[in-house]
N, C-alpha and C. Protein backbone atom coordinates (compact mmCIF):
# COMPACT_ATOMS: atom_id res chain seq x y z
N MET A 1 -1.42 -19.27 -1.70
CA MET A 1 -2.64 -18.49 -1.91
C MET A 1 -2.35 -17.03 -1.61
N GLU A 2 -2.81 -16.17 -2.47
CA GLU A 2 -2.64 -14.74 -2.27
C GLU A 2 -3.74 -14.20 -1.38
N VAL A 3 -3.51 -13.01 -0.89
CA VAL A 3 -4.51 -12.36 -0.05
C VAL A 3 -5.46 -11.55 -0.93
N GLN A 4 -6.74 -11.61 -0.59
CA GLN A 4 -7.75 -10.78 -1.24
C GLN A 4 -8.25 -9.77 -0.23
N VAL A 5 -8.37 -8.53 -0.67
CA VAL A 5 -8.82 -7.45 0.20
C VAL A 5 -9.96 -6.72 -0.49
N THR A 6 -11.10 -6.65 0.20
CA THR A 6 -12.23 -5.87 -0.29
C THR A 6 -12.69 -4.98 0.86
N THR A 7 -13.33 -3.88 0.50
CA THR A 7 -13.81 -2.97 1.53
C THR A 7 -15.27 -2.64 1.28
N GLU A 8 -15.95 -2.32 2.35
CA GLU A 8 -17.32 -1.83 2.24
C GLU A 8 -17.56 -0.82 3.36
N ASP A 9 -18.26 0.23 3.02
CA ASP A 9 -18.61 1.23 4.01
C ASP A 9 -19.93 0.83 4.67
N VAL A 10 -19.93 0.87 6.00
CA VAL A 10 -21.13 0.59 6.79
C VAL A 10 -21.32 1.82 7.67
N GLY A 11 -22.11 2.74 7.19
CA GLY A 11 -22.25 4.02 7.88
C GLY A 11 -20.92 4.75 7.82
N ALA A 12 -20.47 5.23 8.98
CA ALA A 12 -19.20 5.96 9.05
C ALA A 12 -18.00 5.02 9.14
N ARG A 13 -18.26 3.72 9.25
CA ARG A 13 -17.18 2.74 9.42
C ARG A 13 -16.86 2.09 8.08
N THR A 14 -15.65 1.62 7.98
CA THR A 14 -15.23 0.87 6.80
C THR A 14 -14.80 -0.52 7.24
N VAL A 15 -15.42 -1.52 6.62
CA VAL A 15 -15.05 -2.90 6.88
C VAL A 15 -14.06 -3.34 5.82
N VAL A 16 -12.93 -3.84 6.29
CA VAL A 16 -11.89 -4.37 5.39
C VAL A 16 -11.96 -5.88 5.51
N HIS A 17 -12.47 -6.53 4.46
CA HIS A 17 -12.57 -7.99 4.44
C HIS A 17 -11.27 -8.55 3.87
N VAL A 18 -10.63 -9.43 4.63
CA VAL A 18 -9.36 -10.01 4.20
C VAL A 18 -9.55 -11.52 4.09
N ALA A 19 -9.09 -12.09 2.97
CA ALA A 19 -9.19 -13.53 2.76
C ALA A 19 -7.88 -14.07 2.24
N GLY A 20 -7.53 -15.28 2.66
CA GLY A 20 -6.31 -15.91 2.19
C GLY A 20 -5.20 -15.85 3.22
N GLU A 21 -3.98 -15.73 2.74
CA GLU A 21 -2.80 -15.75 3.60
C GLU A 21 -2.15 -14.38 3.66
N ILE A 22 -1.84 -13.95 4.87
CA ILE A 22 -1.12 -12.69 5.06
C ILE A 22 0.29 -13.06 5.49
N ASP A 23 1.23 -12.89 4.57
CA ASP A 23 2.62 -13.20 4.86
C ASP A 23 3.51 -12.19 4.15
N VAL A 24 4.81 -12.44 4.20
CA VAL A 24 5.77 -11.49 3.62
C VAL A 24 5.51 -11.27 2.12
N ALA A 25 5.00 -12.28 1.45
CA ALA A 25 4.78 -12.17 0.01
C ALA A 25 3.49 -11.43 -0.34
N SER A 26 2.53 -11.39 0.58
CA SER A 26 1.23 -10.83 0.25
C SER A 26 0.84 -9.59 1.06
N ALA A 27 1.61 -9.26 2.05
CA ALA A 27 1.21 -8.19 2.98
C ALA A 27 1.10 -6.82 2.31
N ASP A 28 1.86 -6.59 1.26
CA ASP A 28 1.82 -5.27 0.62
C ASP A 28 0.43 -4.92 0.10
N ARG A 29 -0.29 -5.91 -0.39
CA ARG A 29 -1.65 -5.63 -0.90
C ARG A 29 -2.55 -5.09 0.21
N LEU A 30 -2.51 -5.71 1.38
CA LEU A 30 -3.31 -5.23 2.51
C LEU A 30 -2.80 -3.88 2.98
N ARG A 31 -1.49 -3.71 3.06
CA ARG A 31 -0.89 -2.45 3.50
C ARG A 31 -1.33 -1.30 2.59
N GLU A 32 -1.31 -1.53 1.28
CA GLU A 32 -1.70 -0.50 0.31
C GLU A 32 -3.18 -0.17 0.42
N SER A 33 -4.01 -1.18 0.61
CA SER A 33 -5.45 -0.95 0.74
C SER A 33 -5.77 -0.08 1.95
N VAL A 34 -5.14 -0.41 3.08
CA VAL A 34 -5.38 0.35 4.30
C VAL A 34 -4.81 1.76 4.18
N ALA A 35 -3.65 1.89 3.58
CA ALA A 35 -3.06 3.23 3.39
C ALA A 35 -3.98 4.11 2.54
N GLN A 36 -4.60 3.54 1.53
CA GLN A 36 -5.52 4.30 0.68
C GLN A 36 -6.75 4.74 1.48
N LEU A 37 -7.27 3.84 2.31
CA LEU A 37 -8.41 4.20 3.15
C LEU A 37 -8.07 5.37 4.07
N LEU A 38 -6.90 5.29 4.71
CA LEU A 38 -6.49 6.37 5.61
C LEU A 38 -6.29 7.67 4.86
N SER A 39 -5.73 7.59 3.64
CA SER A 39 -5.57 8.79 2.81
C SER A 39 -6.91 9.41 2.47
N ASP A 40 -7.92 8.55 2.33
CA ASP A 40 -9.27 9.02 2.00
C ASP A 40 -10.04 9.49 3.22
N GLY A 41 -9.38 9.48 4.39
CA GLY A 41 -10.03 9.94 5.61
C GLY A 41 -10.88 8.89 6.30
N ARG A 42 -10.77 7.65 5.88
CA ARG A 42 -11.53 6.56 6.51
C ARG A 42 -10.70 6.01 7.67
N THR A 43 -11.01 6.45 8.89
CA THR A 43 -10.17 6.09 10.04
C THR A 43 -10.91 5.26 11.08
N ASP A 44 -12.14 4.88 10.79
CA ASP A 44 -12.90 4.02 11.69
C ASP A 44 -13.02 2.66 10.99
N LEU A 45 -12.07 1.78 11.29
CA LEU A 45 -11.92 0.55 10.52
C LEU A 45 -12.25 -0.71 11.33
N VAL A 46 -12.91 -1.63 10.66
CA VAL A 46 -13.11 -2.98 11.16
C VAL A 46 -12.40 -3.91 10.18
N VAL A 47 -11.37 -4.58 10.64
CA VAL A 47 -10.64 -5.51 9.77
C VAL A 47 -11.15 -6.92 10.06
N ASP A 48 -11.84 -7.48 9.08
CA ASP A 48 -12.46 -8.79 9.21
C ASP A 48 -11.47 -9.86 8.72
N LEU A 49 -10.91 -10.59 9.69
CA LEU A 49 -9.92 -11.63 9.39
C LEU A 49 -10.53 -13.03 9.40
N SER A 50 -11.86 -13.12 9.35
CA SER A 50 -12.50 -14.43 9.48
C SER A 50 -12.21 -15.36 8.30
N ALA A 51 -11.79 -14.83 7.17
CA ALA A 51 -11.46 -15.68 6.01
C ALA A 51 -9.94 -15.83 5.82
N VAL A 52 -9.16 -15.40 6.82
CA VAL A 52 -7.71 -15.54 6.74
C VAL A 52 -7.34 -16.95 7.16
N THR A 53 -6.56 -17.62 6.32
CA THR A 53 -6.17 -19.01 6.60
C THR A 53 -4.79 -19.12 7.23
N PHE A 54 -3.99 -18.07 7.09
CA PHE A 54 -2.63 -18.09 7.64
C PHE A 54 -2.16 -16.65 7.81
N MET A 55 -1.44 -16.39 8.90
CA MET A 55 -0.83 -15.08 9.09
C MET A 55 0.49 -15.28 9.82
N ASP A 56 1.56 -14.70 9.26
CA ASP A 56 2.87 -14.78 9.92
C ASP A 56 3.17 -13.46 10.63
N SER A 57 4.39 -13.34 11.09
CA SER A 57 4.78 -12.13 11.84
C SER A 57 4.69 -10.87 11.00
N THR A 58 4.83 -11.01 9.69
CA THR A 58 4.68 -9.84 8.81
C THR A 58 3.25 -9.30 8.91
N GLY A 59 2.29 -10.19 8.91
CA GLY A 59 0.90 -9.79 9.04
C GLY A 59 0.60 -9.14 10.38
N LEU A 60 1.15 -9.72 11.44
CA LEU A 60 0.96 -9.13 12.77
C LEU A 60 1.58 -7.74 12.82
N GLY A 61 2.78 -7.60 12.28
CA GLY A 61 3.44 -6.30 12.26
C GLY A 61 2.66 -5.27 11.46
N LEU A 62 2.09 -5.71 10.36
CA LEU A 62 1.28 -4.82 9.53
C LEU A 62 0.07 -4.33 10.32
N LEU A 63 -0.58 -5.22 11.06
CA LEU A 63 -1.75 -4.81 11.85
C LEU A 63 -1.36 -3.86 12.97
N VAL A 64 -0.24 -4.10 13.63
CA VAL A 64 0.23 -3.20 14.69
C VAL A 64 0.54 -1.82 14.10
N GLY A 65 1.22 -1.79 12.97
CA GLY A 65 1.53 -0.52 12.31
C GLY A 65 0.27 0.21 11.89
N THR A 66 -0.71 -0.54 11.40
CA THR A 66 -1.98 0.05 11.00
C THR A 66 -2.70 0.65 12.20
N LEU A 67 -2.69 -0.08 13.32
CA LEU A 67 -3.31 0.42 14.54
C LEU A 67 -2.69 1.75 14.96
N LYS A 68 -1.37 1.84 14.91
CA LYS A 68 -0.69 3.09 15.28
C LYS A 68 -1.10 4.23 14.36
N ARG A 69 -1.14 3.96 13.06
CA ARG A 69 -1.50 5.01 12.10
C ARG A 69 -2.95 5.47 12.30
N VAL A 70 -3.84 4.50 12.56
CA VAL A 70 -5.25 4.84 12.77
C VAL A 70 -5.40 5.70 14.03
N ARG A 71 -4.72 5.31 15.10
CA ARG A 71 -4.81 6.08 16.34
C ARG A 71 -4.24 7.48 16.18
N LEU A 72 -3.14 7.60 15.45
CA LEU A 72 -2.55 8.93 15.20
C LEU A 72 -3.52 9.82 14.43
N ALA A 73 -4.35 9.21 13.59
CA ALA A 73 -5.33 9.96 12.81
C ALA A 73 -6.61 10.20 13.60
N GLY A 74 -6.64 9.75 14.87
CA GLY A 74 -7.82 9.96 15.71
C GLY A 74 -8.92 8.95 15.48
N GLY A 75 -8.59 7.84 14.84
CA GLY A 75 -9.60 6.83 14.54
C GLY A 75 -9.53 5.64 15.46
N ARG A 76 -10.21 4.59 15.04
CA ARG A 76 -10.16 3.35 15.81
C ARG A 76 -10.13 2.17 14.84
N LEU A 77 -9.59 1.07 15.35
CA LEU A 77 -9.45 -0.15 14.58
C LEU A 77 -9.87 -1.31 15.46
N VAL A 78 -10.80 -2.11 14.98
CA VAL A 78 -11.17 -3.34 15.67
C VAL A 78 -11.00 -4.50 14.70
N LEU A 79 -10.75 -5.67 15.25
CA LEU A 79 -10.53 -6.86 14.45
C LEU A 79 -11.66 -7.86 14.65
N VAL A 80 -11.91 -8.64 13.61
CA VAL A 80 -12.80 -9.79 13.70
C VAL A 80 -11.94 -11.02 13.48
N VAL A 81 -11.86 -11.85 14.51
CA VAL A 81 -11.10 -13.10 14.44
C VAL A 81 -12.00 -14.20 14.97
N ASP A 82 -12.38 -15.12 14.09
CA ASP A 82 -13.27 -16.21 14.54
C ASP A 82 -12.57 -17.56 14.56
N SER A 83 -11.31 -17.60 14.19
CA SER A 83 -10.54 -18.84 14.17
C SER A 83 -9.73 -18.97 15.46
N GLU A 84 -9.91 -20.06 16.16
CA GLU A 84 -9.15 -20.29 17.39
C GLU A 84 -7.64 -20.33 17.09
N ARG A 85 -7.28 -20.91 15.95
CA ARG A 85 -5.87 -20.99 15.58
C ARG A 85 -5.25 -19.59 15.41
N LEU A 86 -5.97 -18.71 14.75
CA LEU A 86 -5.46 -17.35 14.56
C LEU A 86 -5.51 -16.56 15.87
N LEU A 87 -6.56 -16.75 16.64
CA LEU A 87 -6.67 -16.06 17.92
C LEU A 87 -5.53 -16.47 18.86
N LYS A 88 -5.10 -17.71 18.76
CA LYS A 88 -4.00 -18.20 19.59
C LYS A 88 -2.72 -17.40 19.31
N VAL A 89 -2.49 -17.04 18.05
CA VAL A 89 -1.33 -16.23 17.69
C VAL A 89 -1.39 -14.87 18.39
N PHE A 90 -2.57 -14.28 18.42
CA PHE A 90 -2.74 -12.99 19.10
C PHE A 90 -2.52 -13.14 20.61
N ARG A 91 -2.99 -14.25 21.18
CA ARG A 91 -2.79 -14.48 22.62
C ARG A 91 -1.31 -14.67 22.95
N ILE A 92 -0.64 -15.53 22.20
CA ILE A 92 0.77 -15.84 22.47
C ILE A 92 1.64 -14.59 22.39
N THR A 93 1.34 -13.72 21.44
CA THR A 93 2.14 -12.50 21.26
C THR A 93 1.71 -11.36 22.17
N GLY A 94 0.64 -11.56 22.94
CA GLY A 94 0.16 -10.51 23.83
C GLY A 94 -0.67 -9.45 23.13
N LEU A 95 -0.97 -9.67 21.86
CA LEU A 95 -1.70 -8.65 21.10
C LEU A 95 -3.19 -8.60 21.42
N THR A 96 -3.68 -9.56 22.19
CA THR A 96 -5.07 -9.45 22.64
C THR A 96 -5.22 -8.29 23.62
N GLN A 97 -4.10 -7.85 24.20
CA GLN A 97 -4.11 -6.70 25.10
C GLN A 97 -4.02 -5.38 24.34
N VAL A 98 -3.65 -5.46 23.07
CA VAL A 98 -3.44 -4.27 22.25
C VAL A 98 -4.65 -3.98 21.36
N PHE A 99 -5.22 -5.03 20.80
CA PHE A 99 -6.33 -4.89 19.86
C PHE A 99 -7.66 -5.18 20.54
N THR A 100 -8.71 -4.55 20.03
CA THR A 100 -10.06 -4.93 20.36
C THR A 100 -10.45 -6.00 19.34
N ILE A 101 -10.76 -7.21 19.83
CA ILE A 101 -11.03 -8.34 18.95
C ILE A 101 -12.42 -8.88 19.25
N HIS A 102 -13.20 -9.07 18.18
CA HIS A 102 -14.53 -9.66 18.28
C HIS A 102 -14.57 -10.94 17.47
N ASP A 103 -15.50 -11.83 17.79
CA ASP A 103 -15.57 -13.09 17.07
C ASP A 103 -16.55 -13.06 15.90
N THR A 104 -17.33 -11.98 15.77
CA THR A 104 -18.23 -11.83 14.62
C THR A 104 -18.18 -10.40 14.11
N LEU A 105 -18.51 -10.25 12.86
CA LEU A 105 -18.57 -8.91 12.27
C LEU A 105 -19.68 -8.10 12.92
N ASP A 106 -20.80 -8.72 13.18
CA ASP A 106 -21.91 -8.00 13.82
C ASP A 106 -21.50 -7.44 15.18
N ALA A 107 -20.77 -8.23 15.96
CA ALA A 107 -20.31 -7.76 17.26
C ALA A 107 -19.35 -6.60 17.12
N ALA A 108 -18.47 -6.67 16.14
CA ALA A 108 -17.51 -5.58 15.91
C ALA A 108 -18.22 -4.30 15.49
N LEU A 109 -19.23 -4.43 14.66
CA LEU A 109 -19.96 -3.24 14.19
C LEU A 109 -20.85 -2.65 15.29
N ALA A 110 -21.18 -3.45 16.28
CA ALA A 110 -22.04 -2.97 17.37
C ALA A 110 -21.27 -2.13 18.39
N THR A 111 -19.93 -2.10 18.28
CA THR A 111 -19.13 -1.35 19.26
C THR A 111 -18.98 0.09 18.83
């Protein structure tokens, strides 16, 4: 399954909805979408991973790289992860200490 990426502006924030699998074969689509947002000056991002069914180390690396780029631009990045399986990957890798993670989109937008 390929990854689908859609975006929507919610006030000054941009929600990046991601669905499908984020792996070495599909990560470029997400990377390009986020790069375009940053080029357009959209640096307050909520990445909604609630429809992601699989993510490998390529996906994790992409998110870490995106976080660095967003912070360098003076923005912020929060994640929505509602799957215990996916959240476990963030815990095991220690990335729960790096990212702000919410379990719902509403909670992420309220921050």
